[in-house]
């Protein structure tokens, strides 16, 4: 069951790559958790992915995300959701709801711990 959930979360994460308002990283974190308990091979494959592996490893090892990932997340929310609020949503009520969702999203992103920069 956990393996199927992991596959579902990977699929949702992939959709998040294509659709700007669907989150990718939380779904991949959930997939990694499911695979860690059900399929070591799938967990290793996800953790060794050249794109998502470092993000997932930071979370698994240090419970934080890099400053760059935070900047991308904040920028994506502001640009894409802001565009929707300004140009797509009709009426003041819908625009207010959209702004509330943006505010909640930014609050959630800012609450995630930021990894310290590695001295190199």
N, C-alpha and C. Protein backbone atom coordinates (compact mmCIF):
# COMPACT_ATOMS: atom_id res chain seq x y z
N UNK A 1 0.82 -1.19 0.00
CA UNK A 1 0.00 0.00 0.00
C UNK A 1 0.87 1.27 0.00
N UNK A 2 1.92 1.28 0.83
CA UNK A 2 2.80 2.45 0.88
C UNK A 2 3.55 2.65 -0.44
N UNK A 3 3.87 1.55 -1.10
CA UNK A 3 4.55 1.67 -2.40
C UNK A 3 3.63 2.32 -3.43
N UNK A 4 2.36 1.95 -3.43
CA UNK A 4 1.39 2.57 -4.34
C UNK A 4 1.21 4.05 -4.02
N UNK A 5 1.13 4.37 -2.73
CA UNK A 5 1.04 5.78 -2.33
C UNK A 5 2.28 6.55 -2.79
N UNK A 6 3.44 5.93 -2.64
CA UNK A 6 4.68 6.57 -3.09
C UNK A 6 4.64 6.87 -4.58
N UNK A 7 4.17 5.92 -5.36
CA UNK A 7 4.04 6.12 -6.81
C UNK A 7 3.03 7.22 -7.12
N UNK A 8 1.94 7.25 -6.38
CA UNK A 8 0.94 8.31 -6.57
C UNK A 8 1.56 9.68 -6.28
N UNK A 9 2.32 9.77 -5.20
CA UNK A 9 2.94 11.05 -4.84
C UNK A 9 4.00 11.47 -5.85
N UNK A 10 4.74 10.51 -6.41
CA UNK A 10 5.69 10.84 -7.47
C UNK A 10 4.95 11.39 -8.68
N UNK A 11 3.82 10.76 -9.01
CA UNK A 11 3.00 11.25 -10.13
C UNK A 11 2.50 12.66 -9.88
N UNK A 12 2.02 12.92 -8.67
CA UNK A 12 1.54 14.27 -8.34
C UNK A 12 2.70 15.28 -8.35
N UNK A 13 3.87 14.84 -7.91
CA UNK A 13 5.04 15.71 -7.97
C UNK A 13 5.40 16.03 -9.41
N UNK A 14 5.29 15.06 -10.30
CA UNK A 14 5.57 15.29 -11.72
C UNK A 14 4.58 16.29 -12.30
N UNK A 15 3.32 16.16 -11.92
CA UNK A 15 2.31 17.14 -12.35
C UNK A 15 2.69 18.53 -11.86
N UNK A 16 3.24 18.59 -10.65
CA UNK A 16 3.67 19.87 -10.09
C UNK A 16 4.79 20.52 -10.88
N UNK A 17 5.60 19.71 -11.57
CA UNK A 17 6.65 20.27 -12.42
C UNK A 17 6.00 20.99 -13.60
N UNK A 18 4.92 20.42 -14.10
CA UNK A 18 4.27 20.96 -15.30
C UNK A 18 3.29 22.09 -15.00
N UNK A 19 2.64 22.04 -13.84
CA UNK A 19 1.65 23.05 -13.48
C UNK A 19 2.19 23.89 -12.34
N UNK A 20 2.37 25.18 -12.56
CA UNK A 20 3.07 26.02 -11.59
C UNK A 20 2.42 26.13 -10.22
N UNK A 21 1.11 25.98 -10.10
CA UNK A 21 0.48 26.16 -8.79
C UNK A 21 0.37 24.86 -8.00
N UNK A 22 0.80 23.75 -8.58
CA UNK A 22 0.78 22.47 -7.87
C UNK A 22 2.18 22.24 -7.30
N UNK A 23 2.29 22.01 -6.00
CA UNK A 23 3.63 21.87 -5.40
C UNK A 23 4.29 20.56 -5.81
N UNK A 24 5.59 20.60 -5.98
CA UNK A 24 6.34 19.39 -6.34
C UNK A 24 7.01 18.79 -5.12
N UNK A 25 7.76 19.60 -4.39
CA UNK A 25 8.59 19.09 -3.30
C UNK A 25 7.79 18.38 -2.21
N UNK A 26 6.65 18.91 -1.73
CA UNK A 26 5.93 18.18 -0.68
C UNK A 26 5.49 16.78 -1.13
N UNK A 27 5.08 16.66 -2.39
CA UNK A 27 4.67 15.34 -2.88
C UNK A 27 5.87 14.39 -2.95
N UNK A 28 7.03 14.90 -3.35
CA UNK A 28 8.21 14.05 -3.41
C UNK A 28 8.70 13.68 -2.01
N UNK A 29 8.53 14.58 -1.05
CA UNK A 29 8.87 14.24 0.34
C UNK A 29 7.97 13.12 0.85
N UNK A 30 6.69 13.20 0.52
CA UNK A 30 5.76 12.14 0.93
C UNK A 30 6.11 10.82 0.23
N UNK A 31 6.48 10.90 -1.05
CA UNK A 31 6.87 9.70 -1.78
C UNK A 31 8.10 9.07 -1.13
N UNK A 32 9.09 9.89 -0.80
CA UNK A 32 10.31 9.38 -0.16
C UNK A 32 9.99 8.69 1.16
N UNK A 33 9.07 9.28 1.93
CA UNK A 33 8.68 8.68 3.20
C UNK A 33 8.02 7.32 2.97
N UNK A 34 7.12 7.26 1.99
CA UNK A 34 6.44 5.99 1.69
C UNK A 34 7.43 4.93 1.22
N UNK A 35 8.35 5.33 0.33
CA UNK A 35 9.32 4.38 -0.20
C UNK A 35 10.31 3.94 0.88
N UNK A 36 10.65 4.81 1.82
CA UNK A 36 11.59 4.45 2.88
C UNK A 36 11.05 3.30 3.71
N UNK A 37 9.71 3.21 3.82
CA UNK A 37 9.11 2.16 4.64
C UNK A 37 8.68 0.95 3.82
N UNK A 38 8.64 1.09 2.47
CA UNK A 38 8.09 0.00 1.68
C UNK A 38 9.01 -0.53 0.59
N UNK A 39 9.88 0.30 0.06
CA UNK A 39 10.71 -0.12 -1.06
C UNK A 39 12.07 0.60 -1.02
N UNK A 40 13.06 -0.03 -0.42
CA UNK A 40 14.38 0.60 -0.36
C UNK A 40 14.94 0.94 -1.75
N UNK A 41 14.63 0.12 -2.74
CA UNK A 41 15.13 0.39 -4.10
C UNK A 41 14.51 1.67 -4.67
N UNK A 42 13.21 1.84 -4.50
CA UNK A 42 12.54 3.05 -5.01
C UNK A 42 12.99 4.28 -4.21
N UNK A 43 13.20 4.09 -2.90
CA UNK A 43 13.68 5.19 -2.07
C UNK A 43 15.06 5.64 -2.55
N UNK A 44 15.95 4.68 -2.79
CA UNK A 44 17.30 5.01 -3.26
C UNK A 44 17.25 5.69 -4.62
N UNK A 45 16.37 5.22 -5.49
CA UNK A 45 16.25 5.82 -6.82
C UNK A 45 15.81 7.28 -6.72
N UNK A 46 14.85 7.54 -5.85
CA UNK A 46 14.36 8.90 -5.66
C UNK A 46 15.43 9.78 -5.01
N UNK A 47 16.12 9.26 -4.01
CA UNK A 47 17.13 10.03 -3.30
C UNK A 47 18.37 10.31 -4.17
N UNK A 48 18.62 9.45 -5.15
CA UNK A 48 19.78 9.63 -6.03
C UNK A 48 19.43 10.37 -7.32
N UNK A 49 18.20 10.82 -7.45
CA UNK A 49 17.80 11.58 -8.63
C UNK A 49 18.64 12.85 -8.68
N UNK A 50 19.23 13.16 -9.84
CA UNK A 50 20.12 14.33 -9.90
C UNK A 50 19.40 15.66 -9.66
N UNK A 51 18.12 15.73 -9.93
CA UNK A 51 17.39 17.00 -9.75
C UNK A 51 16.80 17.10 -8.35
N UNK A 52 16.09 16.07 -7.93
CA UNK A 52 15.36 16.14 -6.66
C UNK A 52 16.10 15.53 -5.48
N UNK A 53 17.10 14.70 -5.76
CA UNK A 53 17.83 14.03 -4.70
C UNK A 53 18.42 14.97 -3.65
N UNK A 54 19.14 16.03 -4.07
CA UNK A 54 19.72 16.92 -3.07
C UNK A 54 18.67 17.60 -2.17
N UNK A 55 17.55 17.96 -2.75
CA UNK A 55 16.47 18.59 -1.96
C UNK A 55 15.96 17.59 -0.93
N UNK A 56 15.70 16.37 -1.39
CA UNK A 56 15.17 15.34 -0.49
C UNK A 56 16.19 14.94 0.57
N UNK A 57 17.47 14.89 0.19
CA UNK A 57 18.51 14.54 1.16
C UNK A 57 18.66 15.62 2.22
N UNK A 58 18.59 16.89 1.81
CA UNK A 58 18.63 17.97 2.80
C UNK A 58 17.50 17.81 3.81
N UNK A 59 16.31 17.51 3.31
CA UNK A 59 15.17 17.38 4.22
C UNK A 59 15.34 16.16 5.12
N UNK A 60 15.75 15.04 4.52
CA UNK A 60 15.86 13.81 5.30
C UNK A 60 16.98 13.90 6.34
N UNK A 61 18.10 14.52 5.97
CA UNK A 61 19.25 14.59 6.88
C UNK A 61 19.17 15.74 7.87
N UNK A 62 18.72 16.91 7.38
CA UNK A 62 18.82 18.12 8.21
C UNK A 62 17.47 18.79 8.50
N UNK A 63 16.39 18.29 7.89
CA UNK A 63 15.05 18.88 8.06
C UNK A 63 15.03 20.35 7.67
N UNK A 64 15.65 20.66 6.51
CA UNK A 64 15.66 22.03 6.02
C UNK A 64 15.71 22.02 4.50
N UNK A 65 15.47 23.18 3.90
CA UNK A 65 15.61 23.34 2.45
C UNK A 65 16.64 24.43 2.18
N UNK A 66 17.27 24.35 1.03
CA UNK A 66 18.32 25.33 0.71
C UNK A 66 17.70 26.70 0.45
N UNK A 67 18.48 27.74 0.64
CA UNK A 67 17.97 29.09 0.36
C UNK A 67 17.51 29.23 -1.09
N UNK A 68 18.21 28.59 -2.02
CA UNK A 68 17.82 28.68 -3.43
C UNK A 68 16.44 28.09 -3.68
N UNK A 69 16.15 26.97 -3.04
CA UNK A 69 14.84 26.32 -3.21
C UNK A 69 13.75 27.22 -2.64
N UNK A 70 14.03 27.84 -1.50
CA UNK A 70 13.06 28.76 -0.91
C UNK A 70 12.78 29.95 -1.83
N UNK A 71 13.83 30.48 -2.43
CA UNK A 71 13.67 31.60 -3.35
C UNK A 71 12.82 31.20 -4.56
N UNK A 72 13.09 30.03 -5.10
CA UNK A 72 12.29 29.54 -6.24
C UNK A 72 10.84 29.37 -5.83
N UNK A 73 10.60 28.80 -4.66
CA UNK A 73 9.23 28.58 -4.19
C UNK A 73 8.49 29.90 -4.00
N UNK A 74 9.14 30.85 -3.34
CA UNK A 74 8.50 32.16 -3.09
C UNK A 74 8.25 32.88 -4.41
N UNK A 75 9.23 32.88 -5.28
CA UNK A 75 9.08 33.54 -6.58
C UNK A 75 7.95 32.91 -7.39
N UNK A 76 7.88 31.59 -7.38
CA UNK A 76 6.82 30.89 -8.13
C UNK A 76 5.44 31.27 -7.61
N UNK A 77 5.28 31.28 -6.31
CA UNK A 77 3.98 31.63 -5.73
C UNK A 77 3.62 33.07 -6.10
N UNK A 78 4.55 33.97 -5.91
CA UNK A 78 4.26 35.39 -6.18
C UNK A 78 3.95 35.61 -7.66
N UNK A 79 4.78 35.07 -8.54
CA UNK A 79 4.60 35.32 -9.98
C UNK A 79 3.36 34.62 -10.52
N UNK A 80 3.26 33.31 -10.33
CA UNK A 80 2.18 32.57 -10.96
C UNK A 80 0.83 32.80 -10.28
N UNK A 81 0.82 32.73 -8.96
CA UNK A 81 -0.45 32.97 -8.26
C UNK A 81 -0.83 34.45 -8.37
N UNK A 82 0.17 35.32 -8.30
CA UNK A 82 -0.11 36.75 -8.46
C UNK A 82 -0.70 37.06 -9.82
N UNK A 83 -0.17 36.44 -10.87
CA UNK A 83 -0.73 36.60 -12.21
C UNK A 83 -2.19 36.17 -12.25
N UNK A 84 -2.46 35.02 -11.63
CA UNK A 84 -3.84 34.52 -11.60
C UNK A 84 -4.77 35.50 -10.88
N UNK A 85 -4.33 36.00 -9.75
CA UNK A 85 -5.17 36.93 -8.99
C UNK A 85 -5.40 38.21 -9.79
N UNK A 86 -4.36 38.72 -10.39
CA UNK A 86 -4.48 39.99 -11.12
C UNK A 86 -5.27 39.88 -12.42
N UNK A 87 -5.04 38.80 -13.17
CA UNK A 87 -5.54 38.76 -14.53
C UNK A 87 -6.56 37.66 -14.83
N UNK A 88 -6.73 36.69 -13.95
CA UNK A 88 -7.61 35.56 -14.26
C UNK A 88 -8.84 35.54 -13.37
N UNK A 89 -8.66 35.72 -12.09
CA UNK A 89 -9.80 35.61 -11.18
C UNK A 89 -10.76 36.79 -11.34
N UNK A 90 -12.05 36.47 -11.44
CA UNK A 90 -13.04 37.54 -11.59
C UNK A 90 -13.51 38.06 -10.23
N UNK A 91 -13.79 39.32 -10.13
CA UNK A 91 -14.45 39.87 -8.95
C UNK A 91 -13.55 40.02 -7.74
N UNK A 92 -13.94 40.93 -6.89
CA UNK A 92 -13.18 41.25 -5.69
C UNK A 92 -13.15 40.09 -4.70
N UNK A 93 -14.24 39.34 -4.59
CA UNK A 93 -14.27 38.22 -3.63
C UNK A 93 -13.27 37.14 -4.01
N UNK A 94 -13.26 36.77 -5.29
CA UNK A 94 -12.33 35.73 -5.75
C UNK A 94 -10.89 36.22 -5.63
N UNK A 95 -10.66 37.48 -5.96
CA UNK A 95 -9.31 38.03 -5.84
C UNK A 95 -8.86 38.05 -4.38
N UNK A 96 -9.76 38.34 -3.46
CA UNK A 96 -9.43 38.33 -2.02
C UNK A 96 -9.09 36.92 -1.56
N UNK A 97 -9.86 35.95 -2.01
CA UNK A 97 -9.57 34.56 -1.66
C UNK A 97 -8.20 34.16 -2.22
N UNK A 98 -7.92 34.56 -3.47
CA UNK A 98 -6.62 34.28 -4.07
C UNK A 98 -5.48 34.89 -3.28
N UNK A 99 -5.65 36.13 -2.85
CA UNK A 99 -4.61 36.78 -2.04
C UNK A 99 -4.42 36.09 -0.70
N UNK A 100 -5.51 35.61 -0.11
CA UNK A 100 -5.42 34.87 1.14
C UNK A 100 -4.63 33.57 0.94
N UNK A 101 -4.90 32.88 -0.16
CA UNK A 101 -4.17 31.64 -0.45
C UNK A 101 -2.69 31.93 -0.66
N UNK A 102 -2.38 33.03 -1.36
CA UNK A 102 -0.98 33.42 -1.55
C UNK A 102 -0.32 33.70 -0.19
N UNK A 103 -1.00 34.43 0.66
CA UNK A 103 -0.44 34.76 1.98
C UNK A 103 -0.19 33.50 2.80
N UNK A 104 -1.14 32.57 2.79
CA UNK A 104 -0.97 31.32 3.54
C UNK A 104 0.20 30.52 2.98
N UNK A 105 0.31 30.47 1.65
CA UNK A 105 1.40 29.74 1.01
C UNK A 105 2.75 30.33 1.38
N UNK A 106 2.85 31.65 1.30
CA UNK A 106 4.12 32.31 1.65
C UNK A 106 4.46 32.10 3.12
N UNK A 107 3.46 32.16 3.99
CA UNK A 107 3.68 31.92 5.41
C UNK A 107 4.23 30.50 5.63
N UNK A 108 3.63 29.52 4.94
CA UNK A 108 4.08 28.13 5.08
C UNK A 108 5.51 27.96 4.57
N UNK A 109 5.82 28.56 3.43
CA UNK A 109 7.17 28.44 2.88
C UNK A 109 8.19 29.08 3.82
N UNK A 110 7.86 30.24 4.35
CA UNK A 110 8.81 30.95 5.22
C UNK A 110 9.02 30.24 6.55
N UNK A 111 8.08 29.42 6.97
CA UNK A 111 8.22 28.67 8.23
C UNK A 111 9.14 27.46 8.10
N UNK A 112 9.38 27.00 6.88
CA UNK A 112 10.27 25.85 6.68
C UNK A 112 11.70 26.29 6.99
N UNK A 113 12.41 25.53 7.81
CA UNK A 113 13.79 25.92 8.14
C UNK A 113 14.67 25.98 6.89
N UNK A 114 15.57 26.96 6.87
CA UNK A 114 16.50 27.13 5.78
C UNK A 114 17.84 26.51 6.17
N UNK A 115 18.40 25.70 5.28
CA UNK A 115 19.70 25.10 5.54
C UNK A 115 20.78 26.19 5.57
N UNK A 116 21.71 26.09 6.48
CA UNK A 116 22.82 27.05 6.46
C UNK A 116 23.67 26.80 5.22
N UNK A 117 24.25 27.87 4.69
CA UNK A 117 25.14 27.73 3.54
C UNK A 117 26.37 26.95 3.94
N UNK A 118 26.75 25.99 3.09
CA UNK A 118 27.95 25.20 3.36
C UNK A 118 29.19 26.05 3.02
N UNK A 119 30.12 26.18 3.95
CA UNK A 119 31.33 26.94 3.65
C UNK A 119 32.20 26.16 2.67
N UNK A 120 32.51 26.81 1.54
CA UNK A 120 33.35 26.12 0.54
C UNK A 120 34.34 27.08 -0.04
